Amino acid sequence: RKWRFAMTAWDIFPFMFVYTTLFGALLVRGLTKIGINDGLIARTVTLLPVLVLFYDAVENVICLYQGYIFPEEIDAKLIHAGGTCGKLKFSFLAAVIIIITFLELLSRSVAKDKTKDD
């Protein structure tokens, strides 16, 4: 249990904020490169890494709590909630990675078209 708590503390504090900042920066960079600096699309897309962080944190807190009460008690609802948070976390993470890839490919296409016009 002690090592599980230590690993989760490492996961929650520096790691989550690092990947949220990294993915957020990549999304802002990609949106800026294609000319979307403001508006609903930019605000919505840049919030996706925060959703990944949120669901990751909730999943970890649920796992910590389950580890704390185990083996005396096992709560199936909490296990289901933790699994659902994990699925949502990875779904939003996949969306972030796909959007970053799409923005990079789109920005290269836009750059190619500009060089053709010149």
Foldseek 3Di string as FASTA:
>chain_A
DVVLVVVLVVCLPPVLVVVLVVLLVLLCVLCVLVPNNDDDVNVVLSCLSVLLSVLSNLLSVLVVVQVVCPPVDDDPVSVVSSVVSVVSNVVSVVVSVVSSVVSVVVSVVVVVVVVVVD
